[in-house]
Protein backbone atom coordinates (compact mmCIF):
# COMPACT_ATOMS: atom_id res chain seq x y z
CA UNK A 1 -28.07 21.58 59.83
CA UNK A 2 -28.83 23.72 62.80
CA UNK A 3 -28.46 22.47 66.31
CA UNK A 4 -31.59 22.03 68.47
CA UNK A 5 -31.49 24.15 71.57
CA UNK A 6 -32.03 22.68 75.01
CA UNK A 7 -35.07 24.95 75.36
CA UNK A 8 -36.62 23.59 72.13
CA UNK A 9 -35.89 20.03 73.19
CA UNK A 10 -37.37 20.57 76.65
CA UNK A 11 -40.43 22.26 75.16
CA UNK A 12 -41.02 19.33 72.79
CA UNK A 13 -40.54 16.81 75.63
CA UNK A 14 -43.06 18.71 77.78
CA UNK A 15 -45.55 18.73 74.90
CA UNK A 16 -45.17 14.96 74.41
CA UNK A 17 -45.65 14.34 78.14
CA UNK A 18 -48.78 16.52 78.14
CA UNK A 19 -50.23 14.65 75.16
CA UNK A 20 -49.55 11.31 76.89
CA UNK A 21 -51.25 12.55 80.06
CA UNK A 22 -54.25 13.77 78.08
CA UNK A 23 -54.45 10.42 76.27
CA UNK A 24 -54.51 8.60 79.63
CA UNK A 25 -57.29 10.86 80.89
CA UNK A 26 -59.31 10.53 77.68
CA UNK A 27 -58.83 6.75 77.66
CA UNK A 28 -59.88 6.53 81.31
CA UNK A 29 -62.98 8.63 80.68
CA UNK A 30 -63.84 6.48 77.66
CA UNK A 31 -63.40 3.36 79.81
CA UNK A 32 -65.74 4.75 82.49
CA UNK A 33 -68.34 5.82 79.94
CA UNK A 34 -68.17 2.42 78.25
CA UNK A 35 -68.62 0.69 81.63
CA UNK A 36 -71.71 2.84 82.28
CA UNK A 37 -73.19 1.96 78.87
CA UNK A 38 -72.45 -1.77 79.32
CA UNK A 39 -73.97 -1.68 82.82
CA UNK A 40 -77.13 -0.08 81.42
CA UNK A 41 -77.35 -2.78 78.75
CA UNK A 42 -76.85 -5.45 81.43
CA UNK A 43 -79.66 -3.92 83.51
CA UNK A 44 -81.98 -4.19 80.50
CA UNK A 45 -80.99 -7.80 79.81
CA UNK A 46 -81.13 -8.89 83.47
CA UNK A 47 -84.68 -7.51 83.76
CA UNK A 48 -85.75 -10.72 81.96
CA UNK A 49 -84.89 -12.74 85.06
CA UNK A 50 -86.35 -12.82 88.58
CA UNK A 51 -83.01 -11.71 90.09
CA UNK A 52 -81.07 -8.51 89.50
CA UNK A 53 -77.38 -8.07 88.82
CA UNK A 54 -76.62 -8.27 92.52
CA UNK A 55 -78.53 -11.56 92.73
CA UNK A 56 -76.50 -12.92 89.83
CA UNK A 57 -73.36 -11.76 91.64
CA UNK A 58 -74.38 -13.63 94.79
CA UNK A 59 -75.24 -16.82 92.89
CA UNK A 60 -72.07 -16.77 90.78
CA UNK A 61 -69.89 -16.19 93.83
CA UNK A 62 -71.56 -19.08 95.62
CA UNK A 63 -70.81 -21.33 92.65
CA UNK A 64 -67.21 -20.12 92.40
CA UNK A 65 -66.55 -20.57 96.13
CA UNK A 66 -67.80 -24.06 96.82
CA UNK A 67 -71.53 -23.35 97.10
CA UNK A 68 -71.52 -21.79 100.58
CA UNK A 69 -70.38 -18.41 101.86
CA UNK A 70 -70.93 -16.09 104.77
CA UNK A 71 -72.99 -12.96 103.95
CA UNK A 72 -70.05 -10.75 104.93
CA UNK A 73 -67.83 -12.50 102.40
CA UNK A 74 -70.50 -12.12 99.73
CA UNK A 75 -70.77 -8.43 100.55
CA UNK A 76 -67.01 -7.99 100.14
CA UNK A 77 -66.90 -9.95 96.88
CA UNK A 78 -69.69 -8.11 95.10
CA UNK A 79 -68.99 -4.65 96.57
CA UNK A 80 -72.43 -4.23 98.11
CA UNK A 81 -73.43 -3.37 101.66
CA UNK A 82 -74.35 -6.14 104.07
CA UNK A 83 -77.88 -4.75 104.13
CA UNK A 84 -78.13 -4.94 100.30
CA UNK A 85 -76.83 -8.52 100.35
CA UNK A 86 -79.36 -9.47 103.03
CA UNK A 87 -82.21 -8.12 100.87
CA UNK A 88 -80.94 -9.98 97.81
CA UNK A 89 -80.46 -13.22 99.76
CA UNK A 90 -84.02 -12.83 101.11
CA UNK A 91 -85.30 -12.65 97.52
CA UNK A 92 -83.12 -15.56 96.36
CA UNK A 93 -84.35 -17.62 99.31
CA UNK A 94 -88.00 -16.90 98.38
CA UNK A 95 -87.23 -18.09 94.85
CA UNK A 96 -85.69 -21.30 96.26
CA UNK A 97 -82.24 -20.51 94.81
CA UNK A 98 -80.42 -20.30 98.17
CA UNK A 99 -80.93 -21.38 101.75
CA UNK A 100 -79.59 -20.07 105.02
CA UNK A 101 -78.25 -22.32 107.74
CA UNK A 102 -77.21 -21.40 111.27
CA UNK A 103 -73.62 -22.02 112.23
CA UNK A 104 -73.32 -23.60 115.64
CA UNK A 105 -75.59 -22.45 118.43
CA UNK A 106 -75.59 -18.76 117.51
CA UNK A 107 -78.65 -18.32 115.31
CA UNK A 108 -77.49 -14.84 114.26
CA UNK A 109 -74.49 -16.28 112.41
CA UNK A 110 -75.71 -17.92 109.24
CA UNK A 111 -74.18 -19.17 106.04
CA UNK A 112 -75.77 -18.90 102.61
CA UNK A 113 -75.77 -21.96 100.35
CA UNK A 114 -76.89 -22.38 96.77
CA UNK A 115 -79.63 -24.98 96.18
CA UNK A 116 -80.06 -27.37 93.26
CA UNK A 117 -82.71 -24.99 91.90
CA UNK A 118 -80.26 -22.10 92.19
CA UNK A 119 -77.55 -24.06 90.41
CA UNK A 120 -79.95 -25.01 87.62
CA UNK A 121 -80.93 -21.34 87.29
CA UNK A 122 -77.28 -20.28 87.04
CA UNK A 123 -76.59 -22.90 84.36
CA UNK A 124 -79.64 -21.90 82.33
CA UNK A 125 -79.11 -18.16 82.63
CA UNK A 126 -75.37 -18.46 81.97
CA UNK A 127 -75.97 -20.30 78.70
CA UNK A 128 -78.53 -17.69 77.62
CA UNK A 129 -76.29 -14.88 78.82
CA UNK A 130 -73.31 -16.12 76.83
CA UNK A 131 -75.43 -16.14 73.70
CA UNK A 132 -77.07 -12.75 74.25
CA UNK A 133 -74.37 -10.80 76.02
CA UNK A 134 -70.99 -12.28 75.22
CA UNK A 135 -71.55 -12.53 71.51
CA UNK A 136 -73.52 -9.31 71.16
CA UNK A 137 -71.33 -7.01 73.24
CA UNK A 138 -68.06 -8.27 71.81
CA UNK A 139 -69.32 -8.66 68.25
CA UNK A 140 -67.31 -5.71 66.85
CA UNK A 141 -64.04 -7.28 68.07
CA UNK A 142 -61.97 -10.04 66.50
CA UNK A 143 -60.54 -12.91 68.59
CA UNK A 144 -57.17 -11.23 69.16
CA UNK A 145 -58.88 -8.01 70.31
CA UNK A 146 -61.13 -10.00 72.67
CA UNK A 147 -58.09 -11.70 74.19
CA UNK A 148 -56.29 -8.35 74.56
CA UNK A 149 -59.37 -6.78 76.13
CA UNK A 150 -59.60 -9.68 78.59
CA UNK A 151 -55.94 -9.29 79.54
CA UNK A 152 -56.17 -5.52 79.93
CA UNK A 153 -59.39 -5.54 81.96
CA UNK A 154 -57.93 -8.21 84.25
CA UNK A 155 -54.82 -6.06 84.80
CA UNK A 156 -56.93 -2.99 85.55
CA UNK A 157 -59.23 -4.98 87.86
CA UNK A 158 -56.35 -6.54 89.82
CA UNK A 159 -54.55 -3.20 90.12
CA UNK A 160 -57.73 -1.49 91.27
CA UNK A 161 -58.44 -4.24 93.82
CA UNK A 162 -54.91 -3.72 95.17
CA UNK A 163 -55.57 0.04 95.40
CA UNK A 164 -58.82 -0.64 97.27
CA UNK A 165 -57.12 -3.05 99.69
CA UNK A 166 -54.26 -0.63 100.29
CA UNK A 167 -56.64 2.29 100.78
CA UNK A 168 -58.80 0.34 103.23
CA UNK A 169 -55.77 -0.90 105.17
CA UNK A 170 -53.83 2.36 105.29
CA UNK A 171 -56.53 4.95 104.74
CA UNK A 172 -54.66 6.36 101.78
CA UNK A 173 -53.95 5.68 98.15
CA UNK A 174 -50.39 4.53 97.41
CA UNK A 175 -48.19 6.70 95.19
CA UNK A 176 -48.79 5.92 91.54
CA UNK A 177 -46.15 4.19 89.50
CA UNK A 178 -44.68 6.10 86.60
CA UNK A 179 -44.86 4.35 83.26
């Protein structure tokens, strides 16, 4: 048996590292492309309803946060501008799904609350959405894969939210962790 040279070993290690880096990039690009495709499908499905995806985001956040939120908090939660949230809340208010109430004597400061009609709409659309979207989009996966996907997407989401918070607080992205 011949001995492996340090140069050969280093060359092989570099090649393995390069392949791992390429795999991360390809996986990331696949993740982004898949998100784009899923978002397009969601746009098609949501077109059946009188509210868009942003409207669903507002309604679901209201439900998840006690039924009432400030527009600024909604904007932060759904990653939309305050102006975009105002337009969506205007539409939801016309549909009777939300109402705005002044806080104190300052009429400019208002909170947004979900109505009974809005809650009924969320319940109805959520049941239909689970049937159409949840089962259809995840159909090619078995239960274990679905659970793994849920765990992985949650990890990516939480890490990305931390990156966003750090970037907004410091104006820079933190150094990445080596894995």
